């Protein structure tokens, strides 16, 4: 009797990860061990290992994945420059006088930070240190307050731009191409990062609306769990609101607008975001606001003018006007560069630049190490017959495509209790998604369903990362049990959101179809 080495391999991976071993090394060790075992037993062709170099090179040169470091840098700089504190303080003063107002402000700030930083840990910690003590002082129920902070932080995974959506775009695009090859199609369609961002935009805002409605409903039914702010604070002026909200919104528009409008690739948009984050950080580093505004205006003028009036000096018919226009463009670019360098010099003295680069290097290394080892794991898994087994399991499930999709979503949800979203995305999804697409399921709709499902993994005990982040930042009077109980209603809201998206797929598909 032949051992089902593929299933044993997958179970061994989960077991070793639960034992606490480093994820990338665990994936590599399990893959190596089962490759050798399969070779000894005659179930694995060891010559497949020769494809590892090509697979690794493909990952490292993937134009989609190379946008990750700059998006991470953008988020880290904004987090280190304390933009969250100003947003929370301003929004709390704006909504605090109504029942549930502080909770609504936490969710709205989470959405803004999600679209500008996309870093779950930074958002949860910032709100745990700033907003949670304020809510507790004003009589909020500790469980509800903890749940709101954890949940608002996870919006960074579903509202673009986010690392999860970039990884999913690459995984789903590869799976979509694989499914088309299996159907005998050679005119291949792909799924771009822009399509993924567009598809996740409305569902992300839907989640924000569902959270706010729930908080206001709880406050209306039981005012004692989310009372109005007791502290005597002045409402913010229009200028204070604008100075807190407008800069991150402009950054969001610059990054997402350039991608969705087809003006820039994800890599170029990530560069725009990183420069924008540096300019925003300049306010905190003592660089004159007028200088930052002039540099921003120079970059905007340069971007618009270069698009409308491109200059190509290598052409033989380039006249004096072209050289004059090129000199203007160069002057604008050099002025903006000078301001950016001044901010970077201030960041070096402040220690902000070193801390931001170290955080970016750490996060990026973790992500790429996991992706590379997952590519190795999937090679061995496919060589042991795991891909064919998954296809057969999904085909034999009752209910056809609907039954297979329900099983896949439930399986991802359960794994989210134990595994990180990166591990699920790069290990499980490449073998789980192609058969679902072959069954006729819309890949863009499926991408958003999985994204919301994976977002939930940040909330599910015992290994939800948001729970750990808040446990480290919350006041001592907040117990771990209160945090766990507080997220349960929001996990249910996540399931409700998945149900709404299931019943109305157009929520996810209309915007990418309209734009692309």
Protein backbone atom coordinates (compact mmCIF):
# COMPACT_ATOMS: atom_id res chain seq x y z
CA UNK A 1 0.00 0.00 0.00
CA UNK A 2 1.42 3.38 -1.06
CA UNK A 3 1.57 5.99 1.66
CA UNK A 4 -0.27 9.30 0.91
CA UNK A 5 2.97 11.26 1.31
CA UNK A 6 1.40 14.47 -0.01
CA UNK A 7 -1.23 14.54 2.76
CA UNK A 8 1.28 13.50 5.43
CA UNK A 9 3.61 16.25 4.19
CA UNK A 10 0.95 18.92 4.55
CA UNK A 11 -0.01 17.69 8.03
CA UNK A 12 3.65 17.63 9.08
CA UNK A 13 4.07 21.23 7.93
CA UNK A 14 1.17 22.45 10.10
CA UNK A 15 2.42 20.42 13.06
CA UNK A 16 5.97 21.84 12.89
CA UNK A 17 4.69 25.40 12.48
CA UNK A 18 2.48 24.96 15.56
CA UNK A 19 5.54 23.79 17.49
CA UNK A 20 6.98 27.28 16.96
CA UNK A 21 9.80 26.68 14.51
CA UNK A 22 10.64 29.57 12.10
CA UNK A 23 8.22 29.34 9.19
CA UNK A 24 10.62 29.62 6.22
CA UNK A 25 13.04 27.05 7.65
CA UNK A 26 10.15 24.75 8.58
CA UNK A 27 8.77 24.83 5.04
CA UNK A 28 12.22 24.13 3.57
CA UNK A 29 12.97 21.33 6.06
CA UNK A 30 9.65 19.54 5.54
CA UNK A 31 9.96 19.84 1.75
CA UNK A 32 13.53 18.48 1.79
CA UNK A 33 12.66 15.61 4.10
CA UNK A 34 9.65 14.46 2.09
CA UNK A 35 11.47 14.89 -1.22
CA UNK A 36 14.15 12.48 0.02
CA UNK A 37 11.59 10.11 1.54
CA UNK A 38 9.54 10.10 -1.68
CA UNK A 39 12.69 9.45 -3.72
CA UNK A 40 13.67 6.50 -1.49
CA UNK A 41 10.14 5.04 -1.71
CA UNK A 42 9.95 5.62 -5.47
CA UNK A 43 7.10 8.16 -5.25
CA UNK A 44 9.08 11.27 -6.22
CA UNK A 45 11.24 12.04 -9.25
CA UNK A 46 14.33 13.69 -7.77
CA UNK A 47 15.11 15.33 -11.13
CA UNK A 48 12.27 17.78 -10.41
CA UNK A 49 14.60 19.46 -7.93
CA UNK A 50 16.49 20.83 -10.93
CA UNK A 51 13.62 23.27 -11.47
CA UNK A 52 14.23 25.00 -8.13
CA UNK A 53 16.72 27.53 -9.48
CA UNK A 54 14.38 28.62 -12.24
CA UNK A 55 11.47 28.90 -9.80
CA UNK A 56 13.51 31.00 -7.36
CA UNK A 57 14.73 33.27 -10.14
CA UNK A 58 11.13 33.73 -11.30
CA UNK A 59 10.03 34.79 -7.81
CA UNK A 60 12.88 37.26 -7.32
CA UNK A 61 12.37 38.88 -10.73
CA UNK A 62 8.57 38.92 -10.55
CA UNK A 63 7.55 42.53 -11.33
CA UNK A 64 4.47 42.22 -9.12
CA UNK A 65 6.30 41.04 -6.01
CA UNK A 66 9.10 43.60 -6.38
CA UNK A 67 6.57 46.30 -5.45
CA UNK A 68 6.32 44.86 -1.93
CA UNK A 69 9.49 46.45 -0.42
CA UNK A 70 8.51 49.99 -1.44
CA UNK A 71 4.94 49.59 -0.21
CA UNK A 72 6.32 48.28 3.09
CA UNK A 73 8.74 51.22 3.28
CA UNK A 74 5.87 53.65 2.66
CA UNK A 75 3.87 52.13 5.48
CA UNK A 76 6.79 51.96 7.92
CA UNK A 77 7.76 55.62 7.36
CA UNK A 78 4.17 56.75 7.97
CA UNK A 79 3.97 54.59 11.07
CA UNK A 80 7.25 55.92 12.46
CA UNK A 81 6.21 59.52 11.71
CA UNK A 82 3.22 59.15 14.10
CA UNK A 83 0.51 60.05 11.58
CA UNK A 84 -1.88 57.68 13.42
CA UNK A 85 -1.74 59.72 16.60
CA UNK A 86 -2.90 62.92 14.92
CA UNK A 87 -5.68 61.12 13.05
CA UNK A 88 -6.97 59.37 16.17
CA UNK A 89 -6.91 62.52 18.25
CA UNK A 90 -8.73 64.59 15.61
CA UNK A 91 -11.36 61.97 14.74
CA UNK A 92 -12.00 61.24 18.42
CA UNK A 93 -12.76 64.89 19.06
CA UNK A 94 -14.97 64.99 15.96
CA UNK A 95 -17.19 61.96 16.73
CA UNK A 96 -16.68 61.51 20.47
CA UNK A 97 -19.79 63.39 21.61
CA UNK A 98 -22.17 60.74 20.19
CA UNK A 99 -22.82 57.24 21.56
CA UNK A 100 -20.43 54.89 19.82
CA UNK A 101 -18.58 57.87 18.32
CA UNK A 102 -15.16 56.88 19.62
CA UNK A 103 -15.65 53.40 18.16
CA UNK A 104 -16.64 54.84 14.79
CA UNK A 105 -13.57 57.10 14.84
CA UNK A 106 -11.34 54.06 15.51
CA UNK A 107 -12.81 52.23 12.49
CA UNK A 108 -12.52 55.25 10.20
CA UNK A 109 -8.93 55.90 11.26
CA UNK A 110 -8.21 52.20 10.71
CA UNK A 111 -9.57 52.53 7.16
CA UNK A 112 -7.45 55.62 6.44
CA UNK A 113 -4.34 54.01 7.86
CA UNK A 114 -5.11 50.82 5.93
CA UNK A 115 -5.16 52.71 2.64
CA UNK A 116 -2.01 54.69 3.46
CA UNK A 117 0.19 52.28 5.44
CA UNK A 118 -1.31 48.80 5.09
CA UNK A 119 0.59 47.59 8.18
CA UNK A 120 -1.69 45.72 10.57
CA UNK A 121 0.68 45.57 13.53
CA UNK A 122 1.51 49.28 13.47
CA UNK A 123 -2.16 50.26 13.30
CA UNK A 124 -3.28 47.94 16.10
CA UNK A 125 -0.42 48.99 18.40
CA UNK A 126 -0.98 52.70 17.73
CA UNK A 127 -4.70 52.48 18.44
CA UNK A 128 -4.10 50.18 21.42
CA UNK A 129 -1.80 52.78 22.96
CA UNK A 130 -3.87 55.87 22.09
CA UNK A 131 -7.54 55.04 21.47
CA UNK A 132 -8.08 52.09 23.82
CA UNK A 133 -7.19 53.95 27.07
CA UNK A 134 -9.41 56.85 25.95
CA UNK A 135 -12.37 54.52 25.34
CA UNK A 136 -11.87 52.80 28.70
CA UNK A 137 -11.70 56.16 30.53
CA UNK A 138 -15.01 57.10 28.93
CA UNK A 139 -16.80 53.93 30.05
CA UNK A 140 -16.56 51.68 26.97
CA UNK A 141 -17.00 47.95 27.54
CA UNK A 142 -13.46 46.47 27.52
CA UNK A 143 -14.48 43.57 25.27
CA UNK A 144 -16.14 45.82 22.67
CA UNK A 145 -13.27 48.33 22.74
CA UNK A 146 -10.67 45.57 22.30
CA UNK A 147 -12.62 44.01 19.43
CA UNK A 148 -12.93 47.35 17.65
CA UNK A 149 -9.19 48.07 17.87
CA UNK A 150 -8.20 44.58 16.64
CA UNK A 151 -10.70 44.64 13.79
CA UNK A 152 -9.94 48.17 12.60
CA UNK A 153 -6.27 47.21 12.36
CA UNK A 154 -6.97 44.28 10.04
CA UNK A 155 -8.51 46.60 7.43
CA UNK A 156 -4.94 47.07 6.23
CA UNK A 157 -5.17 43.64 4.60
CA UNK A 158 -8.31 44.21 2.52
CA UNK A 159 -8.22 47.93 1.67
CA UNK A 160 -5.62 48.54 -1.06
CA UNK A 161 -2.73 48.91 -1.29
CA UNK A 162 -1.87 45.94 0.90
CA UNK A 163 0.77 43.23 0.90
CA UNK A 164 -1.92 40.54 1.03
CA UNK A 165 -3.58 41.82 -2.17
CA UNK A 166 -0.22 42.03 -4.00
CA UNK A 167 0.63 38.43 -3.07
CA UNK A 168 -2.90 37.27 -3.96
CA UNK A 169 -2.72 39.05 -7.31
CA UNK A 170 0.41 37.10 -8.20
CA UNK A 171 -0.92 33.76 -6.89
CA UNK A 172 -4.32 34.16 -8.56
CA UNK A 173 -2.78 35.28 -11.86
CA UNK A 174 -0.56 32.19 -11.96
CA UNK A 175 -3.49 29.95 -11.03
CA UNK A 176 -5.69 31.59 -13.68
CA UNK A 177 -3.03 31.02 -16.35
CA UNK A 178 -2.60 27.42 -15.23
CA UNK A 179 -6.36 26.83 -15.50
CA UNK A 180 -6.44 28.33 -19.01
CA UNK A 181 -3.58 26.09 -20.15
CA UNK A 182 -5.51 23.09 -18.77
CA UNK A 183 -8.51 24.19 -20.87
CA UNK A 184 -6.33 24.24 -24.00
CA UNK A 185 -6.28 28.04 -24.30
CA UNK A 186 -3.05 29.63 -25.47
CA UNK A 187 -4.27 33.24 -25.68
CA UNK A 188 -3.82 33.78 -21.97
CA UNK A 189 -5.55 36.38 -19.81
CA UNK A 190 -3.97 37.52 -16.54
CA UNK A 191 -5.07 39.20 -13.33
CA UNK A 192 -3.17 42.39 -12.58
CA UNK A 193 -2.51 44.11 -9.27
CA UNK A 194 -4.69 46.97 -10.49
CA UNK A 195 -7.65 44.63 -11.05
CA UNK A 196 -7.16 43.12 -7.60
CA UNK A 197 -6.99 46.55 -5.95
CA UNK A 198 -10.10 47.71 -7.82
CA UNK A 199 -11.99 44.54 -6.89
CA UNK A 200 -11.14 44.92 -3.18
CA UNK A 201 -11.98 48.63 -2.95
CA UNK A 202 -15.76 48.44 -2.58
CA UNK A 203 -15.77 45.29 -0.38
CA UNK A 204 -13.24 47.02 1.90
CA UNK A 205 -15.53 50.03 2.25
CA UNK A 206 -18.44 47.63 2.77
CA UNK A 207 -16.60 46.13 5.75
CA UNK A 208 -16.03 49.62 7.19
CA UNK A 209 -19.77 50.35 6.84
CA UNK A 210 -20.73 47.01 8.45
CA UNK A 211 -18.42 47.69 11.42
CA UNK A 212 -19.79 51.22 11.91
CA UNK A 213 -23.41 50.09 11.69
CA UNK A 214 -22.75 47.36 14.26
CA UNK A 215 -21.01 49.76 16.69
CA UNK A 216 -23.75 52.38 16.39
CA UNK A 217 -26.41 49.68 16.74
CA UNK A 218 -24.80 48.31 19.91
CA UNK A 219 -24.50 51.85 21.29
CA UNK A 220 -28.16 52.56 20.51
CA UNK A 221 -29.46 49.31 22.04
CA UNK A 222 -27.10 49.34 25.05
CA UNK A 223 -25.71 52.87 25.50
CA UNK A 224 -23.64 51.82 28.51
CA UNK A 225 -21.25 49.72 26.39
CA UNK A 226 -20.27 52.64 24.11
CA UNK A 227 -21.25 55.95 25.74
CA UNK A 228 -20.49 59.43 24.48
CA UNK A 229 -17.17 60.97 25.49
CA UNK A 230 -17.25 62.28 29.06
CA UNK A 231 -14.05 64.27 28.77
CA UNK A 232 -14.50 67.95 27.99
CA UNK A 233 -12.70 68.46 24.68
CA UNK A 234 -13.24 71.05 21.99
CA UNK A 235 -14.47 69.97 18.58
CA UNK A 236 -11.69 70.22 15.98
CA UNK A 237 -11.70 73.16 13.61
CA UNK A 238 -11.99 72.69 9.88
CA UNK A 239 -8.29 73.47 9.49
CA UNK A 240 -7.34 70.81 12.08
CA UNK A 241 -9.51 68.21 10.34
CA UNK A 242 -8.06 69.09 6.95
CA UNK A 243 -4.45 69.01 8.18
CA UNK A 244 -4.99 65.55 9.68
CA UNK A 245 -7.05 63.92 6.93
CA UNK A 246 -6.09 65.59 3.64
CA UNK A 247 -2.38 64.50 3.49
CA UNK A 248 -3.05 60.74 3.82
CA UNK A 249 -6.02 61.01 1.44
CA UNK A 250 -3.83 62.74 -1.16
CA UNK A 251 -1.25 59.99 -0.76
CA UNK A 252 -3.95 57.34 -1.22
CA UNK A 253 -5.21 59.08 -4.36
CA UNK A 254 -1.68 59.37 -5.76
CA UNK A 255 -0.87 55.69 -5.22
CA UNK A 256 -4.19 54.03 -6.05
CA UNK A 257 -5.15 56.56 -8.70
CA UNK A 258 -1.93 55.99 -10.63
CA UNK A 259 -2.46 52.20 -10.58
CA UNK A 260 -6.21 52.14 -11.29
CA UNK A 261 -5.87 54.87 -13.93
CA UNK A 262 -3.21 52.87 -15.76
CA UNK A 263 -0.71 55.70 -15.36
CA UNK A 264 1.84 53.72 -13.36
CA UNK A 265 2.76 50.11 -12.69
CA UNK A 266 2.59 48.82 -9.09
CA UNK A 267 6.36 49.34 -8.76
CA UNK A 268 6.15 52.95 -9.95
CA UNK A 269 3.12 53.62 -7.75
CA UNK A 270 4.96 52.17 -4.76
CA UNK A 271 7.81 54.60 -5.49
CA UNK A 272 5.31 57.45 -5.55
CA UNK A 273 3.97 56.26 -2.21
CA UNK A 274 7.43 56.06 -0.66
CA UNK A 275 8.30 59.62 -1.77
CA UNK A 276 4.90 60.84 -0.54
CA UNK A 277 5.49 59.19 2.84
CA UNK A 278 8.89 60.90 3.10
CA UNK A 279 7.28 64.28 2.36
CA UNK A 280 4.58 63.66 5.00
CA UNK A 281 7.25 62.65 7.52
CA UNK A 282 8.98 65.97 6.90
CA UNK A 283 6.28 67.75 8.90
CA UNK A 284 7.21 65.72 11.97
CA UNK A 285 10.91 66.28 11.46
CA UNK A 286 10.78 70.07 11.56
CA UNK A 287 11.12 70.77 7.83
CA UNK A 288 9.10 73.93 6.96
CA UNK A 289 5.61 73.06 5.71
CA UNK A 290 5.88 75.65 2.93
CA UNK A 291 8.93 73.88 1.52
CA UNK A 292 7.14 70.50 1.60
CA UNK A 293 4.08 71.96 -0.13
CA UNK A 294 6.26 73.54 -2.85
CA UNK A 295 8.05 70.23 -3.44
CA UNK A 296 4.72 68.40 -3.63
CA UNK A 297 3.39 70.99 -6.08
CA UNK A 298 6.56 70.68 -8.17
CA UNK A 299 6.13 66.90 -8.42
CA UNK A 300 2.44 67.24 -9.32
CA UNK A 301 3.19 69.80 -12.04
CA UNK A 302 6.01 67.62 -13.33
CA UNK A 303 3.81 64.51 -13.47
CA UNK A 304 0.93 66.26 -15.26
CA UNK A 305 3.12 68.27 -17.65
CA UNK A 306 5.33 65.34 -18.60
CA UNK A 307 2.20 63.31 -19.39
CA UNK A 308 0.59 66.03 -21.49
CA UNK A 309 3.79 67.37 -23.08
CA UNK A 310 6.37 64.58 -23.24
CA UNK A 311 9.91 65.50 -24.23
CA UNK A 312 12.10 63.21 -26.36
CA UNK A 313 15.46 64.88 -26.85
CA UNK A 314 16.87 61.89 -28.75
CA UNK A 315 14.64 62.73 -31.72
CA UNK A 316 16.34 64.48 -34.63
CA UNK A 317 13.56 67.11 -34.88
CA UNK A 318 13.82 68.20 -31.22
CA UNK A 319 13.85 72.01 -31.25
CA UNK A 320 14.65 74.80 -28.82
CA UNK A 321 11.22 74.48 -27.22
CA UNK A 322 11.86 70.85 -26.35
CA UNK A 323 15.17 71.72 -24.69
CA UNK A 324 13.53 74.57 -22.78
CA UNK A 325 10.75 72.29 -21.57
CA UNK A 326 13.31 69.65 -20.56
CA UNK A 327 15.19 72.30 -18.54
CA UNK A 328 11.96 73.22 -16.72
CA UNK A 329 11.24 69.56 -15.97
CA UNK A 330 14.79 69.06 -14.70
CA UNK A 331 14.51 72.13 -12.47
CA UNK A 332 11.27 70.92 -10.92
CA UNK A 333 12.74 67.45 -10.34
CA UNK A 334 15.95 68.83 -8.81
CA UNK A 335 14.03 71.15 -6.47
CA UNK A 336 11.81 68.28 -5.25
CA UNK A 337 14.89 66.07 -4.90
CA UNK A 338 16.59 68.71 -2.79
CA UNK A 339 13.63 68.86 -0.40
CA UNK A 340 13.49 65.07 -0.17
CA UNK A 341 17.21 64.95 0.62
CA UNK A 342 16.75 67.59 3.32
CA UNK A 343 14.00 65.49 4.89
CA UNK A 344 16.17 62.38 4.69
CA UNK A 345 19.03 64.22 6.41
CA UNK A 346 16.64 65.19 9.20
CA UNK A 347 15.42 61.58 9.33
CA UNK A 348 19.02 60.35 9.71
CA UNK A 349 19.61 62.69 12.66
CA UNK A 350 16.29 61.70 14.24
CA UNK A 351 16.95 57.96 13.76
CA UNK A 352 13.75 57.62 11.72
CA UNK A 353 15.48 56.53 8.52
CA UNK A 354 17.53 53.77 10.14
CA UNK A 355 14.51 52.39 12.02
CA UNK A 356 12.35 52.51 8.88
CA UNK A 357 14.94 50.75 6.70
CA UNK A 358 15.56 48.04 9.31
CA UNK A 359 11.81 47.38 9.66
CA UNK A 360 11.40 47.28 5.88
CA UNK A 361 14.32 44.89 5.50
CA UNK A 362 12.98 42.60 8.22
CA UNK A 363 9.41 42.45 6.87
CA UNK A 364 10.51 42.09 3.23
CA UNK A 365 13.01 39.35 4.07
CA UNK A 366 10.37 37.40 5.99
CA UNK A 367 7.88 37.66 3.13
CA UNK A 368 10.32 36.67 0.37
CA UNK A 369 11.92 33.87 2.41
CA UNK A 370 8.45 32.41 2.96
CA UNK A 371 7.50 32.79 -0.72
CA UNK A 372 10.75 31.18 -1.93
CA UNK A 373 10.46 28.22 0.43
CA UNK A 374 6.77 27.85 -0.40
CA UNK A 375 7.75 27.59 -4.07
CA UNK A 376 10.09 24.73 -3.09
CA UNK A 377 7.33 23.13 -0.99
CA UNK A 378 4.77 23.30 -3.82
CA UNK A 379 7.27 21.72 -6.24
CA UNK A 380 7.67 18.71 -3.92
CA UNK A 381 3.93 18.60 -3.14
CA UNK A 382 3.04 18.51 -6.84
CA UNK A 383 5.76 15.90 -7.46
CA UNK A 384 4.19 13.66 -4.79
CA UNK A 385 0.81 13.88 -6.55
CA UNK A 386 -0.75 16.44 -4.19
CA UNK A 387 -2.12 18.63 -6.96
CA UNK A 388 -3.98 15.73 -8.61
CA UNK A 389 -5.34 14.65 -5.22
CA UNK A 390 -6.73 18.14 -4.53
CA UNK A 391 -8.39 18.17 -7.96
CA UNK A 392 -10.03 14.81 -7.30
CA UNK A 393 -11.23 15.82 -3.82
CA UNK A 394 -12.85 19.00 -5.12
CA UNK A 395 -14.49 17.20 -8.08
CA UNK A 396 -16.00 14.51 -5.84
CA UNK A 397 -17.56 16.94 -3.35
CA UNK A 398 -21.35 17.17 -3.50
CA UNK A 399 -22.87 20.39 -4.79
CA UNK A 400 -20.59 20.89 -7.79
CA UNK A 401 -18.73 24.23 -7.99
CA UNK A 402 -20.72 25.69 -5.08
CA UNK A 403 -19.89 22.76 -2.82
CA UNK A 404 -16.23 22.90 -3.81
CA UNK A 405 -16.09 26.64 -3.12
CA UNK A 406 -17.78 26.24 0.28
CA UNK A 407 -15.25 23.54 1.19
CA UNK A 408 -12.31 25.69 0.03
CA UNK A 409 -13.50 28.75 1.96
CA UNK A 410 -14.13 26.69 5.10
CA UNK A 411 -10.71 25.05 4.80
CA UNK A 412 -8.96 28.44 4.44
CA UNK A 413 -10.96 29.80 7.38
CA UNK A 414 -9.96 26.89 9.64
CA UNK A 415 -6.30 27.11 8.61
CA UNK A 416 -6.45 30.81 9.49
CA UNK A 417 -6.69 29.78 13.15
CA UNK A 418 -3.17 28.34 12.93
CA UNK A 419 -1.30 29.74 9.91
CA UNK A 420 -0.32 33.21 8.69
CA UNK A 421 -1.89 34.69 5.54
CA UNK A 422 1.44 34.51 3.66
CA UNK A 423 1.77 30.78 4.37
CA UNK A 424 -1.81 30.06 3.29
CA UNK A 425 -1.47 32.23 0.17
CA UNK A 426 1.76 30.76 -1.19
CA UNK A 427 1.44 27.14 -0.02
CA UNK A 428 -2.25 26.21 -0.17
CA UNK A 429 -3.81 28.52 -2.75
CA UNK A 430 -1.60 27.56 -5.75
CA UNK A 431 -2.98 24.00 -5.60
CA UNK A 432 -6.50 24.88 -4.38
CA UNK A 433 -7.41 27.65 -6.82
CA UNK A 434 -6.85 26.20 -10.36
CA UNK A 435 -9.54 23.49 -10.04
CA UNK A 436 -12.01 26.08 -8.73
CA UNK A 437 -11.36 28.30 -11.75
CA UNK A 438 -11.72 25.28 -14.04
CA UNK A 439 -15.19 24.81 -12.54
CA UNK A 440 -16.18 28.22 -13.88
CA UNK A 441 -15.74 30.42 -10.78
CA UNK A 442 -14.85 34.06 -11.54
CA UNK A 443 -11.18 34.49 -10.48
CA UNK A 444 -11.54 38.17 -9.51
CA UNK A 445 -14.58 37.49 -7.32
CA UNK A 446 -12.77 34.50 -5.83
CA UNK A 447 -9.73 36.68 -5.06
CA UNK A 448 -11.79 39.08 -2.93
CA UNK A 449 -13.64 36.27 -1.15
CA UNK A 450 -10.32 34.72 -0.18
CA UNK A 451 -8.86 38.12 0.80
CA UNK A 452 -11.68 38.76 3.30
CA UNK A 453 -11.36 35.19 4.54
CA UNK A 454 -7.61 35.60 5.07
CA UNK A 455 -8.18 38.95 6.76
CA UNK A 456 -10.21 37.07 9.35
CA UNK A 457 -7.13 34.99 10.19
CA UNK A 458 -5.73 38.05 11.97
CA UNK A 459 -8.66 37.89 14.40
CA UNK A 460 -9.20 34.20 15.05
CA UNK A 461 -7.84 32.83 18.35
CA UNK A 462 -5.45 31.45 19.37
CA UNK A 463 -2.89 32.67 16.80
CA UNK A 464 -4.52 35.81 15.36
CA UNK A 465 -1.74 38.36 14.97
CA UNK A 466 -3.96 41.32 15.84
CA UNK A 467 -4.71 39.67 19.18
CA UNK A 468 -1.00 39.40 19.95
CA UNK A 469 -0.32 42.97 18.87
CA UNK A 470 -3.10 44.32 21.10
CA UNK A 471 -2.08 42.10 24.03
CA UNK A 472 1.33 43.78 23.95
CA UNK A 473 -0.06 47.33 23.72
CA UNK A 474 -3.25 47.15 25.83
CA UNK A 475 -3.44 48.43 29.43
CA UNK A 476 -2.93 45.87 32.18
CA UNK A 477 -6.62 45.87 33.14
CA UNK A 478 -7.48 44.34 29.74
CA UNK A 479 -7.27 40.54 29.99
CA UNK A 480 -6.48 38.14 27.16
CA UNK A 481 -9.92 36.60 27.61
CA UNK A 482 -11.58 39.97 27.07
CA UNK A 483 -9.62 40.48 23.86
CA UNK A 484 -10.59 37.01 22.58
CA UNK A 485 -14.27 37.48 23.46
CA UNK A 486 -14.27 40.98 22.02
CA UNK A 487 -13.31 39.88 18.50
CA UNK A 488 -15.98 37.15 18.23
CA UNK A 489 -18.79 39.51 17.06
CA UNK A 490 -16.44 41.01 14.48
CA UNK A 491 -15.45 37.57 13.19
CA UNK A 492 -19.19 36.96 12.70
CA UNK A 493 -19.41 40.29 10.84
CA UNK A 494 -16.60 39.10 8.58
CA UNK A 495 -18.62 35.98 7.78
CA UNK A 496 -21.67 38.18 7.10
CA UNK A 497 -19.57 40.29 4.70
CA UNK A 498 -18.43 37.14 2.88
CA UNK A 499 -22.10 36.11 2.64
CA UNK A 500 -23.10 39.48 1.16
CA UNK A 501 -20.27 39.26 -1.36
CA UNK A 502 -21.32 35.68 -2.17
CA UNK A 503 -24.90 36.75 -2.89
CA UNK A 504 -23.90 39.89 -4.81
CA UNK A 505 -20.66 39.18 -6.74
CA UNK A 506 -20.99 42.49 -8.62
CA UNK A 507 -19.80 44.27 -5.46
CA UNK A 508 -16.33 42.98 -6.29
CA UNK A 509 -16.46 42.66 -10.07
CA UNK A 510 -18.11 45.84 -11.39
CA UNK A 511 -15.23 48.27 -10.72
CA UNK A 512 -12.42 46.20 -12.30
CA UNK A 513 -14.65 45.44 -15.30
CA UNK A 514 -15.45 49.13 -15.69
CA UNK A 515 -11.81 50.19 -15.39
CA UNK A 516 -10.23 47.33 -17.35
